[in-house]
Amino acid sequence: MRPQLPWVNGLADGLAVKDIETARQVMTELRHKLESREEPAVRA
């Protein structure tokens, strides 16, 4: 995973830790909502 470290660090440049945490919380909540939805019935 070491070769990706500079790339990942570059993504976070200029972002506050608080903003990154907020984004993580939003994505986590969206994932939970999407996973809890019932699958639509498949029509034949």
N, C-alpha and C. Protein backbone atom coordinates (compact mmCIF):
# COMPACT_ATOMS: atom_id res chain seq x y z
N MET A 1 0.83 -1.19 0.00
CA MET A 1 0.00 0.00 0.00
C MET A 1 0.88 1.26 0.00
N ARG A 2 2.12 1.13 0.25
CA ARG A 2 3.02 2.28 0.33
C ARG A 2 3.05 3.14 -0.92
N PRO A 3 3.02 2.60 -2.14
CA PRO A 3 3.05 3.46 -3.33
C PRO A 3 1.87 4.42 -3.43
N GLN A 4 0.76 4.12 -2.78
CA GLN A 4 -0.40 4.99 -2.85
C GLN A 4 -0.36 6.11 -1.82
N LEU A 5 0.54 6.04 -0.87
CA LEU A 5 0.57 7.02 0.21
C LEU A 5 0.67 8.47 -0.29
N PRO A 6 1.57 8.81 -1.21
CA PRO A 6 1.62 10.20 -1.70
C PRO A 6 0.31 10.62 -2.39
N TRP A 7 -0.29 9.72 -3.12
CA TRP A 7 -1.55 10.01 -3.82
C TRP A 7 -2.66 10.30 -2.82
N VAL A 8 -2.76 9.47 -1.80
CA VAL A 8 -3.79 9.64 -0.77
C VAL A 8 -3.55 10.93 0.00
N ASN A 9 -2.32 11.19 0.36
CA ASN A 9 -2.01 12.43 1.08
C ASN A 9 -2.33 13.65 0.23
N GLY A 10 -2.11 13.55 -1.07
CA GLY A 10 -2.43 14.65 -1.98
C GLY A 10 -3.91 14.95 -2.01
N LEU A 11 -4.74 13.93 -1.88
CA LEU A 11 -6.18 14.14 -1.86
C LEU A 11 -6.61 14.97 -0.66
N ALA A 12 -5.94 14.79 0.44
CA ALA A 12 -6.31 15.47 1.68
C ALA A 12 -5.68 16.85 1.82
N ASP A 13 -4.74 17.21 0.96
CA ASP A 13 -4.09 18.51 1.07
C ASP A 13 -5.12 19.63 1.01
N GLY A 14 -5.03 20.54 1.97
CA GLY A 14 -5.92 21.68 2.01
C GLY A 14 -7.26 21.43 2.68
N LEU A 15 -7.51 20.21 3.10
CA LEU A 15 -8.77 19.89 3.77
C LEU A 15 -8.54 19.81 5.28
N ALA A 16 -9.49 20.36 6.02
CA ALA A 16 -9.41 20.28 7.47
C ALA A 16 -9.85 18.89 7.92
N VAL A 17 -9.27 18.42 9.00
CA VAL A 17 -9.63 17.11 9.55
C VAL A 17 -11.14 17.06 9.83
N LYS A 18 -11.67 18.15 10.34
CA LYS A 18 -13.11 18.21 10.64
C LYS A 18 -13.94 18.00 9.36
N ASP A 19 -13.51 18.59 8.25
CA ASP A 19 -14.24 18.43 6.99
C ASP A 19 -14.17 16.99 6.48
N ILE A 20 -13.03 16.36 6.64
CA ILE A 20 -12.88 14.96 6.23
C ILE A 20 -13.78 14.07 7.08
N GLU A 21 -13.81 14.32 8.37
CA GLU A 21 -14.67 13.55 9.27
C GLU A 21 -16.14 13.73 8.92
N THR A 22 -16.54 14.96 8.61
CA THR A 22 -17.93 15.24 8.24
C THR A 22 -18.30 14.47 6.98
N ALA A 23 -17.42 14.49 5.99
CA ALA A 23 -17.67 13.75 4.75
C ALA A 23 -17.79 12.25 5.02
N ARG A 24 -16.94 11.73 5.89
CA ARG A 24 -17.00 10.30 6.23
C ARG A 24 -18.34 9.96 6.88
N GLN A 25 -18.79 10.83 7.78
CA GLN A 25 -20.06 10.58 8.46
C GLN A 25 -21.23 10.60 7.47
N VAL A 26 -21.20 11.54 6.54
CA VAL A 26 -22.26 11.62 5.53
C VAL A 26 -22.27 10.37 4.66
N MET A 27 -21.10 9.95 4.20
CA MET A 27 -21.02 8.76 3.35
C MET A 27 -21.46 7.51 4.11
N THR A 28 -21.09 7.42 5.38
CA THR A 28 -21.50 6.28 6.20
C THR A 28 -23.01 6.24 6.34
N GLU A 29 -23.62 7.39 6.61
CA GLU A 29 -25.08 7.45 6.76
C GLU A 29 -25.79 7.10 5.46
N LEU A 30 -25.28 7.60 4.34
CA LEU A 30 -25.87 7.27 3.04
C LEU A 30 -25.76 5.77 2.76
N ARG A 31 -24.61 5.19 3.10
CA ARG A 31 -24.43 3.75 2.89
C ARG A 31 -25.44 2.96 3.71
N HIS A 32 -25.64 3.35 4.96
CA HIS A 32 -26.60 2.65 5.83
C HIS A 32 -28.02 2.77 5.26
N LYS A 33 -28.37 3.95 4.78
CA LYS A 33 -29.71 4.13 4.22
C LYS A 33 -29.89 3.29 2.97
N LEU A 34 -28.88 3.27 2.11
CA LEU A 34 -28.98 2.47 0.88
C LEU A 34 -29.04 0.98 1.19
N GLU A 35 -28.26 0.53 2.15
CA GLU A 35 -28.25 -0.89 2.49
C GLU A 35 -29.52 -1.34 3.19
N SER A 36 -30.21 -0.42 3.84
CA SER A 36 -31.42 -0.81 4.58
C SER A 36 -32.67 -0.81 3.70
N ARG A 37 -32.57 -0.25 2.51
CA ARG A 37 -33.72 -0.24 1.60
C ARG A 37 -34.00 -1.64 1.10
N GLU A 38 -35.28 -1.94 0.92
CA GLU A 38 -35.65 -3.23 0.37
C GLU A 38 -35.37 -3.24 -1.12
N GLU A 39 -34.97 -4.38 -1.59
CA GLU A 39 -34.74 -4.54 -3.03
C GLU A 39 -36.08 -4.53 -3.74
N PRO A 40 -36.20 -3.82 -4.86
CA PRO A 40 -37.47 -3.83 -5.60
C PRO A 40 -37.74 -5.21 -6.18
N ALA A 41 -39.01 -5.53 -6.27
CA ALA A 41 -39.39 -6.84 -6.84
C ALA A 41 -39.03 -6.87 -8.31
N VAL A 42 -38.53 -7.99 -8.76
CA VAL A 42 -38.17 -8.16 -10.16
C VAL A 42 -39.40 -8.61 -10.92
N ARG A 43 -39.71 -7.88 -11.98
CA ARG A 43 -40.88 -8.25 -12.80
C ARG A 43 -40.47 -9.21 -13.89
N ALA A 44 -41.35 -10.17 -14.14
CA ALA A 44 -41.06 -11.16 -15.19
C ALA A 44 -41.76 -10.79 -16.47
